[in-house]
Each structure stands twice: as structure tokens, then as C-alpha cells.
């Protein structure tokens, strides 16, 4: 399982929408192809949504890890 901390994408400063293409490239590189991926870290909702959309079709399973709710499965394309 690959964990991607979105908070680290913006070097502890507020994420900028203008940097979104860079964030998406970084997420896609870290996620690879066909892996189970966990998204975590303090980041704006728009960044979580954009990364989840970018990883759809690339990740086998995507999970959002929340300190409040625990793990939330966003999608799971494992046929078994």
C-alpha cells in the first residue's frame, strides 16, 4: 500500500491552485499503476478531489485516511 501525504506537496505552505499540474504529476508518480493508495495529510478539499480524479483508472484502490473517521474507501476496482 502506498501512502501519499498531500500536506507535503506544498512544502507546509498553503497549496496553490496554479501549482495543481505539479501536484497531480507528483501524486501519479508516487501512486504508480495498479496499486492500493492512501491519501492523507492536511490539504484543501479541491486538492483531494483533483488527485482522486487523476488516480482513477491508475490505482486499484483509493482510500482517504481521516484522523476523525479512519479509513474511507473512495473506490475499489479489485474484482476479488
PDB file of N, CA and C in Angstrom:
ATOM      1  N   UNK A   1       0.848  -1.178   0.000  1.00  0.00           N
ATOM      2  CA  UNK A   1       0.000   0.000   0.000  1.00  0.00           C
ATOM      3  C   UNK A   1       0.892   1.239   0.000  1.00  0.00           C
ATOM      4  N   UNK A   2       0.558   2.193  -0.829  1.00  0.00           N
ATOM      5  CA  UNK A   2       1.330   3.424  -0.975  1.00  0.00           C
ATOM      6  C   UNK A   2       0.576   4.560  -0.299  1.00  0.00           C
ATOM      7  N   UNK A   3       1.247   5.260   0.599  1.00  0.00           N
ATOM      8  CA  UNK A   3       0.627   6.395   1.284  1.00  0.00           C
ATOM      9  C   UNK A   3       1.158   7.691   0.689  1.00  0.00           C
ATOM     10  N   UNK A   4       0.240   8.561   0.326  1.00  0.00           N
ATOM     11  CA  UNK A   4       0.600   9.865  -0.224  1.00  0.00           C
ATOM     12  C   UNK A   4       0.078  10.940   0.724  1.00  0.00           C
ATOM     13  N   UNK A   5       0.999  11.679   1.329  1.00  0.00           N
ATOM     14  CA  UNK A   5       0.654  12.761   2.244  1.00  0.00           C
ATOM     15  C   UNK A   5       0.560  14.053   1.437  1.00  0.00           C
ATOM     16  N   UNK A   6      -0.656  14.499   1.179  1.00  0.00           N
ATOM     17  CA  UNK A   6      -0.857  15.690   0.344  1.00  0.00           C
ATOM     18  C   UNK A   6      -0.342  16.967   1.004  1.00  0.00           C
ATOM     19  N   UNK A   7      -0.212  16.961   2.298  1.00  0.00           N
ATOM     20  CA  UNK A   7       0.309  18.136   3.007  1.00  0.00           C
ATOM     21  C   UNK A   7       1.738  18.446   2.554  1.00  0.00           C
ATOM     22  N   UNK A   8       2.491  17.420   2.216  1.00  0.00           N
ATOM     23  CA  UNK A   8       3.885  17.616   1.835  1.00  0.00           C
ATOM     24  C   UNK A   8       4.048  18.178   0.425  1.00  0.00           C
ATOM     25  N   UNK A   9       2.995  18.144  -0.373  1.00  0.00           N
ATOM     26  CA  UNK A   9       3.081  18.626  -1.739  1.00  0.00           C
ATOM     27  C   UNK A   9       3.374  20.117  -1.801  1.00  0.00           C
ATOM     28  N   UNK A  10       2.887  20.868  -0.851  1.00  0.00           N
ATOM     29  CA  UNK A  10       3.034  22.327  -0.900  1.00  0.00           C
ATOM     30  C   UNK A  10       4.060  22.838   0.113  1.00  0.00           C
ATOM     31  N   UNK A  11       4.938  21.941   0.571  1.00  0.00           N
ATOM     32  CA  UNK A  11       6.022  22.322   1.489  1.00  0.00           C
ATOM     33  C   UNK A  11       5.539  23.103   2.707  1.00  0.00           C
ATOM     34  N   UNK A  12       4.452  22.618   3.301  1.00  0.00           N
ATOM     35  CA  UNK A  12       3.907  23.198   4.544  1.00  0.00           C
ATOM     36  C   UNK A  12       3.358  24.617   4.375  1.00  0.00           C
ATOM     37  N   UNK A  13       3.202  25.081   3.153  1.00  0.00           N
ATOM     38  CA  UNK A  13       2.552  26.380   2.922  1.00  0.00           C
ATOM     39  C   UNK A  13       1.217  26.091   2.244  1.00  0.00           C
ATOM     40  N   UNK A  14       0.328  27.041   2.218  1.00  0.00           N
ATOM     41  CA  UNK A  14      -0.955  26.766   1.564  1.00  0.00           C
ATOM     42  C   UNK A  14      -0.772  26.327   0.111  1.00  0.00           C
ATOM     43  N   UNK A  15      -1.504  25.288  -0.267  1.00  0.00           N
ATOM     44  CA  UNK A  15      -1.459  24.809  -1.647  1.00  0.00           C
ATOM     45  C   UNK A  15      -2.032  25.879  -2.570  1.00  0.00           C
ATOM     46  N   UNK A  16      -1.473  25.960  -3.771  1.00  0.00           N
ATOM     47  CA  UNK A  16      -1.924  26.952  -4.748  1.00  0.00           C
ATOM     48  C   UNK A  16      -2.550  26.233  -5.933  1.00  0.00           C
ATOM     49  N   UNK A  17      -3.698  26.706  -6.348  1.00  0.00           N
ATOM     50  CA  UNK A  17      -4.371  26.119  -7.496  1.00  0.00           C
ATOM     51  C   UNK A  17      -3.489  26.193  -8.747  1.00  0.00           C
ATOM     52  N   UNK A  18      -2.690  27.221  -8.841  1.00  0.00           N
ATOM     53  CA  UNK A  18      -1.804  27.364 -10.005  1.00  0.00           C
ATOM     54  C   UNK A  18      -0.742  26.264 -10.063  1.00  0.00           C
ATOM     55  N   UNK A  19      -0.468  25.605  -8.938  1.00  0.00           N
ATOM     56  CA  UNK A  19       0.503  24.511  -8.881  1.00  0.00           C
ATOM     57  C   UNK A  19      -0.137  23.135  -9.049  1.00  0.00           C
ATOM     58  N   UNK A  20      -1.430  23.100  -9.344  1.00  0.00           N
ATOM     59  CA  UNK A  20      -2.146  21.826  -9.446  1.00  0.00           C
ATOM     60  C   UNK A  20      -1.503  20.837 -10.426  1.00  0.00           C
ATOM     61  N   UNK A  21      -1.088  21.246 -11.622  1.00  0.00           N
ATOM     62  CA  UNK A  21      -0.463  20.257 -12.514  1.00  0.00           C
ATOM     63  C   UNK A  21       0.753  19.567 -11.890  1.00  0.00           C
ATOM     64  N   UNK A  22       1.541  20.324 -11.149  1.00  0.00           N
ATOM     65  CA  UNK A  22       2.709  19.754 -10.462  1.00  0.00           C
ATOM     66  C   UNK A  22       2.263  18.763  -9.387  1.00  0.00           C
ATOM     67  N   UNK A  23       1.244  19.103  -8.608  1.00  0.00           N
ATOM     68  CA  UNK A  23       0.738  18.210  -7.565  1.00  0.00           C
ATOM     69  C   UNK A  23       0.220  16.905  -8.176  1.00  0.00           C
ATOM     70  N   UNK A  24      -0.483  17.008  -9.300  1.00  0.00           N
ATOM     71  CA  UNK A  24      -1.037  15.815  -9.937  1.00  0.00           C
ATOM     72  C   UNK A  24       0.070  14.919 -10.467  1.00  0.00           C
ATOM     73  N   UNK A  25       1.095  15.495 -11.076  1.00  0.00           N
ATOM     74  CA  UNK A  25       2.238  14.698 -11.547  1.00  0.00           C
ATOM     75  C   UNK A  25       2.898  13.964 -10.397  1.00  0.00           C
ATOM     76  N   UNK A  26       3.084  14.664  -9.282  1.00  0.00           N
ATOM     77  CA  UNK A  26       3.726  14.058  -8.119  1.00  0.00           C
ATOM     78  C   UNK A  26       2.881  12.903  -7.567  1.00  0.00           C
ATOM     79  N   UNK A  27       1.584  13.101  -7.490  1.00  0.00           N
ATOM     80  CA  UNK A  27       0.699  12.047  -6.995  1.00  0.00           C
ATOM     81  C   UNK A  27       0.715  10.840  -7.921  1.00  0.00           C
ATOM     82  N   UNK A  28       0.636  11.075  -9.227  1.00  0.00           N
ATOM     83  CA  UNK A  28       0.655   9.977 -10.191  1.00  0.00           C
ATOM     84  C   UNK A  28       1.971   9.213 -10.137  1.00  0.00           C
ATOM     85  N   UNK A  29       3.091   9.928  -9.985  1.00  0.00           N
ATOM     86  CA  UNK A  29       4.397   9.269  -9.880  1.00  0.00           C
ATOM     87  C   UNK A  29       4.493   8.413  -8.631  1.00  0.00           C
ATOM     88  N   UNK A  30       4.025   8.936  -7.505  1.00  0.00           N
ATOM     89  CA  UNK A  30       4.084   8.191  -6.251  1.00  0.00           C
ATOM     90  C   UNK A  30       3.139   6.993  -6.264  1.00  0.00           C
ATOM     91  N   UNK A  31       1.974   7.153  -6.869  1.00  0.00           N
ATOM     92  CA  UNK A  31       0.966   6.088  -6.849  1.00  0.00           C
ATOM     93  C   UNK A  31       1.349   4.922  -7.745  1.00  0.00           C
ATOM     94  N   UNK A  32       2.028   5.198  -8.834  1.00  0.00           N
ATOM     95  CA  UNK A  32       2.337   4.136  -9.790  1.00  0.00           C
ATOM     96  C   UNK A  32       1.064   3.656 -10.467  1.00  0.00           C
ATOM     97  N   UNK A  33       1.066   2.401 -10.879  1.00  0.00           N
ATOM     98  CA  UNK A  33      -0.078   1.852 -11.589  1.00  0.00           C
ATOM     99  C   UNK A  33      -0.518   0.543 -10.946  1.00  0.00           C
ATOM    100  N   UNK A  34      -1.813   0.422 -10.691  1.00  0.00           N
ATOM    101  CA  UNK A  34      -2.370  -0.819 -10.161  1.00  0.00           C
ATOM    102  C   UNK A  34      -2.141  -1.048  -8.684  1.00  0.00           C
ATOM    103  N   UNK A  35      -1.802  -0.020  -7.943  1.00  0.00           N
ATOM    104  CA  UNK A  35      -1.525  -0.153  -6.515  1.00  0.00           C
ATOM    105  C   UNK A  35      -2.709   0.297  -5.659  1.00  0.00           C
ATOM    106  N   UNK A  36      -2.666  -0.094  -4.399  1.00  0.00           N
ATOM    107  CA  UNK A  36      -3.596   0.443  -3.409  1.00  0.00           C
ATOM    108  C   UNK A  36      -2.947   1.699  -2.844  1.00  0.00           C
ATOM    109  N   UNK A  37      -3.698   2.798  -2.843  1.00  0.00           N
ATOM    110  CA  UNK A  37      -3.147   4.096  -2.470  1.00  0.00           C
ATOM    111  C   UNK A  37      -3.983   4.702  -1.350  1.00  0.00           C
ATOM    112  N   UNK A  38      -3.297   5.298  -0.377  1.00  0.00           N
ATOM    113  CA  UNK A  38      -3.944   6.006   0.730  1.00  0.00           C
ATOM    114  C   UNK A  38      -3.571   7.478   0.624  1.00  0.00           C
ATOM    115  N   UNK A  39      -4.581   8.352   0.618  1.00  0.00           N
ATOM    116  CA  UNK A  39      -4.361   9.793   0.650  1.00  0.00           C
ATOM    117  C   UNK A  39      -4.554  10.279   2.074  1.00  0.00           C
ATOM    118  N   UNK A  40      -3.626  11.086   2.543  1.00  0.00           N
ATOM    119  CA  UNK A  40      -3.691  11.595   3.899  1.00  0.00           C
ATOM    120  C   UNK A  40      -3.066  12.990   3.951  1.00  0.00           C
ATOM    121  N   UNK A  41      -3.129  13.628   5.094  1.00  0.00           N
ATOM    122  CA  UNK A  41      -2.488  14.920   5.292  1.00  0.00           C
ATOM    123  C   UNK A  41      -3.445  16.092   5.171  1.00  0.00           C
ATOM    124  N   UNK A  42      -3.059  17.210   5.787  1.00  0.00           N
ATOM    125  CA  UNK A  42      -3.868  18.431   5.721  1.00  0.00           C
ATOM    126  C   UNK A  42      -3.689  19.060   4.352  1.00  0.00           C
ATOM    127  N   UNK A  43      -4.798  19.166   3.636  1.00  0.00           N
ATOM    128  CA  UNK A  43      -4.780  19.762   2.293  1.00  0.00           C
ATOM    129  C   UNK A  43      -6.191  20.232   1.967  1.00  0.00           C
ATOM    130  N   UNK A  44      -6.311  21.170   1.039  1.00  0.00           N
ATOM    131  CA  UNK A  44      -7.639  21.648   0.671  1.00  0.00           C
ATOM    132  C   UNK A  44      -8.458  20.550  -0.021  1.00  0.00           C
ATOM    133  N   UNK A  45      -9.751  20.654   0.113  1.00  0.00           N
ATOM    134  CA  UNK A  45     -10.651  19.667  -0.485  1.00  0.00           C
ATOM    135  C   UNK A  45     -10.433  19.593  -1.992  1.00  0.00           C
ATOM    136  N   UNK A  46     -10.226  20.729  -2.650  1.00  0.00           N
ATOM    137  CA  UNK A  46     -10.046  20.704  -4.103  1.00  0.00           C
ATOM    138  C   UNK A  46      -8.841  19.870  -4.500  1.00  0.00           C
ATOM    139  N   UNK A  47      -7.801  19.833  -3.656  1.00  0.00           N
ATOM    140  CA  UNK A  47      -6.620  19.034  -3.974  1.00  0.00           C
ATOM    141  C   UNK A  47      -6.926  17.544  -3.836  1.00  0.00           C
ATOM    142  N   UNK A  48      -7.643  17.171  -2.775  1.00  0.00           N
ATOM    143  CA  UNK A  48      -8.057  15.773  -2.617  1.00  0.00           C
ATOM    144  C   UNK A  48      -8.908  15.324  -3.803  1.00  0.00           C
ATOM    145  N   UNK A  49      -9.866  16.155  -4.209  1.00  0.00           N
ATOM    146  CA  UNK A  49     -10.749  15.797  -5.316  1.00  0.00           C
ATOM    147  C   UNK A  49      -9.979  15.650  -6.620  1.00  0.00           C
ATOM    148  N   UNK A  50      -9.084  16.571  -6.902  1.00  0.00           N
ATOM    149  CA  UNK A  50      -8.312  16.526  -8.141  1.00  0.00           C
ATOM    150  C   UNK A  50      -7.392  15.309  -8.180  1.00  0.00           C
ATOM    151  N   UNK A  51      -6.742  15.009  -7.068  1.00  0.00           N
ATOM    152  CA  UNK A  51      -5.848  13.843  -7.020  1.00  0.00           C
ATOM    153  C   UNK A  51      -6.652  12.554  -7.158  1.00  0.00           C
ATOM    154  N   UNK A  52      -7.789  12.470  -6.469  1.00  0.00           N
ATOM    155  CA  UNK A  52      -8.634  11.271  -6.580  1.00  0.00           C
ATOM    156  C   UNK A  52      -9.064  11.072  -8.035  1.00  0.00           C
ATOM    157  N   UNK A  53      -9.438  12.139  -8.712  1.00  0.00           N
ATOM    158  CA  UNK A  53      -9.847  12.040 -10.112  1.00  0.00           C
ATOM    159  C   UNK A  53      -8.676  11.593 -10.987  1.00  0.00           C
ATOM    160  N   UNK A  54      -7.489  12.137 -10.733  1.00  0.00           N
ATOM    161  CA  UNK A  54      -6.306  11.793 -11.522  1.00  0.00           C
ATOM    162  C   UNK A  54      -5.898  10.337 -11.328  1.00  0.00           C
ATOM    163  N   UNK A  55      -6.136   9.789 -10.138  1.00  0.00           N
ATOM    164  CA  UNK A  55      -5.718   8.417  -9.851  1.00  0.00           C
ATOM    165  C   UNK A  55      -6.757   7.382 -10.259  1.00  0.00           C
ATOM    166  N   UNK A  56      -7.958   7.836 -10.611  1.00  0.00           N
ATOM    167  CA  UNK A  56      -8.982   6.887 -11.047  1.00  0.00           C
ATOM    168  C   UNK A  56      -8.540   6.278 -12.370  1.00  0.00           C
ATOM    169  N   UNK A  57      -8.524   4.952 -12.423  1.00  0.00           N
ATOM    170  CA  UNK A  57      -8.036   4.260 -13.603  1.00  0.00           C
ATOM    171  C   UNK A  57      -6.561   3.916 -13.515  1.00  0.00           C
ATOM    172  N   UNK A  58      -5.864   4.488 -12.544  1.00  0.00           N
ATOM    173  CA  UNK A  58      -4.454   4.180 -12.329  1.00  0.00           C
ATOM    174  C   UNK A  58      -4.262   3.342 -11.063  1.00  0.00           C
ATOM    175  N   UNK A  59      -4.955   3.717  -9.998  1.00  0.00           N
ATOM    176  CA  UNK A  59      -4.869   2.978  -8.735  1.00  0.00           C
ATOM    177  C   UNK A  59      -5.929   1.874  -8.725  1.00  0.00           C
ATOM    178  N   UNK A  60      -5.586   0.758  -8.106  1.00  0.00           N
ATOM    179  CA  UNK A  60      -6.557  -0.324  -7.966  1.00  0.00           C
ATOM    180  C   UNK A  60      -7.584   0.021  -6.888  1.00  0.00           C
ATOM    181  N   UNK A  61      -7.101   0.656  -5.823  1.00  0.00           N
ATOM    182  CA  UNK A  61      -7.970   1.028  -4.703  1.00  0.00           C
ATOM    183  C   UNK A  61      -7.463   2.359  -4.156  1.00  0.00           C
ATOM    184  N   UNK A  62      -8.394   3.255  -3.835  1.00  0.00           N
ATOM    185  CA  UNK A  62      -8.030   4.544  -3.269  1.00  0.00           C
ATOM    186  C   UNK A  62      -8.759   4.717  -1.940  1.00  0.00           C
ATOM    187  N   UNK A  63      -7.991   5.092  -0.921  1.00  0.00           N
ATOM    188  CA  UNK A  63      -8.516   5.270   0.429  1.00  0.00           C
ATOM    189  C   UNK A  63      -8.163   6.671   0.912  1.00  0.00           C
ATOM    190  N   UNK A  64      -9.118   7.310   1.569  1.00  0.00           N
ATOM    191  CA  UNK A  64      -8.869   8.575   2.259  1.00  0.00           C
ATOM    192  C   UNK A  64      -8.718   8.228   3.735  1.00  0.00           C
ATOM    193  N   UNK A  65      -7.589   8.609   4.338  1.00  0.00           N
ATOM    194  CA  UNK A  65      -7.348   8.336   5.753  1.00  0.00           C
ATOM    195  C   UNK A  65      -7.575   9.616   6.540  1.00  0.00           C
ATOM    196  N   UNK A  66      -8.640   9.595   7.361  1.00  0.00           N
ATOM    197  CA  UNK A  66      -9.012  10.743   8.171  1.00  0.00           C
ATOM    198  C   UNK A  66      -8.709  10.465   9.644  1.00  0.00           C
ATOM    199  N   UNK A  67      -8.178  11.447  10.351  1.00  0.00           N
ATOM    200  CA  UNK A  67      -7.948  11.251  11.782  1.00  0.00           C
ATOM    201  C   UNK A  67      -9.257  11.155  12.569  1.00  0.00           C
ATOM    202  N   UNK A  68     -10.343  11.606  11.980  1.00  0.00           N
ATOM    203  CA  UNK A  68     -11.640  11.590  12.656  1.00  0.00           C
ATOM    204  C   UNK A  68     -12.406  10.303  12.359  1.00  0.00           C
ATOM    205  N   UNK A  69     -12.513   9.954  11.081  1.00  0.00           N
ATOM    206  CA  UNK A  69     -13.343   8.808  10.690  1.00  0.00           C
ATOM    207  C   UNK A  69     -12.556   7.530  10.438  1.00  0.00           C
ATOM    208  N   UNK A  70     -11.245   7.644  10.338  1.00  0.00           N
ATOM    209  CA  UNK A  70     -10.449   6.483   9.956  1.00  0.00           C
ATOM    210  C   UNK A  70     -10.428   6.366   8.438  1.00  0.00           C
ATOM    211  N   UNK A  71     -10.228   5.153   7.943  1.00  0.00           N
ATOM    212  CA  UNK A  71     -10.125   4.947   6.502  1.00  0.00           C
ATOM    213  C   UNK A  71     -11.496   4.956   5.835  1.00  0.00           C
ATOM    214  N   UNK A  72     -11.577   5.677   4.719  1.00  0.00           N
ATOM    215  CA  UNK A  72     -12.793   5.738   3.900  1.00  0.00           C
ATOM    216  C   UNK A  72     -12.388   5.315   2.489  1.00  0.00           C
ATOM    217  N   UNK A  73     -12.993   4.250   1.982  1.00  0.00           N
ATOM    218  CA  UNK A  73     -12.684   3.788   0.632  1.00  0.00           C
ATOM    219  C   UNK A  73     -13.379   4.705  -0.376  1.00  0.00           C
ATOM    220  N   UNK A  74     -12.593   5.282  -1.278  1.00  0.00           N
ATOM    221  CA  UNK A  74     -13.115   6.159  -2.323  1.00  0.00           C
ATOM    222  C   UNK A  74     -13.528   5.323  -3.528  1.00  0.00           C
ATOM    223  N   UNK A  75     -12.660   4.402  -3.941  1.00  0.00           N
ATOM    224  CA  UNK A  75     -13.020   3.422  -4.959  1.00  0.00           C
ATOM    225  C   UNK A  75     -12.173   2.170  -4.766  1.00  0.00           C
ATOM    226  N   UNK A  76     -12.701   1.054  -5.224  1.00  0.00           N
ATOM    227  CA  UNK A  76     -12.010  -0.233  -5.144  1.00  0.00           C
ATOM    228  C   UNK A  76     -12.339  -1.010  -6.407  1.00  0.00           C
ATOM    229  N   UNK A  77     -11.354  -1.151  -7.277  1.00  0.00           N
ATOM    230  CA  UNK A  77     -11.552  -1.836  -8.552  1.00  0.00           C
ATOM    231  C   UNK A  77     -10.975  -3.255  -8.530  1.00  0.00           C
ATOM    232  N   UNK A  78     -10.737  -3.782  -7.343  1.00  0.00           N
ATOM    233  CA  UNK A  78     -10.262  -5.154  -7.216  1.00  0.00           C
ATOM    234  C   UNK A  78     -11.445  -6.090  -7.426  1.00  0.00           C
ATOM    235  N   UNK A  79     -11.410  -6.933  -8.453  1.00  0.00           N
ATOM    236  CA  UNK A  79     -12.552  -7.809  -8.728  1.00  0.00           C
ATOM    237  C   UNK A  79     -12.732  -8.929  -7.705  1.00  0.00           C
ATOM    238  N   UNK A  80     -11.776  -9.077  -6.823  1.00  0.00           N
ATOM    239  CA  UNK A  80     -11.870 -10.161  -5.834  1.00  0.00           C
ATOM    240  C   UNK A  80     -12.140  -9.584  -4.503  1.00  0.00           C
TER     241      UNK A  80
END
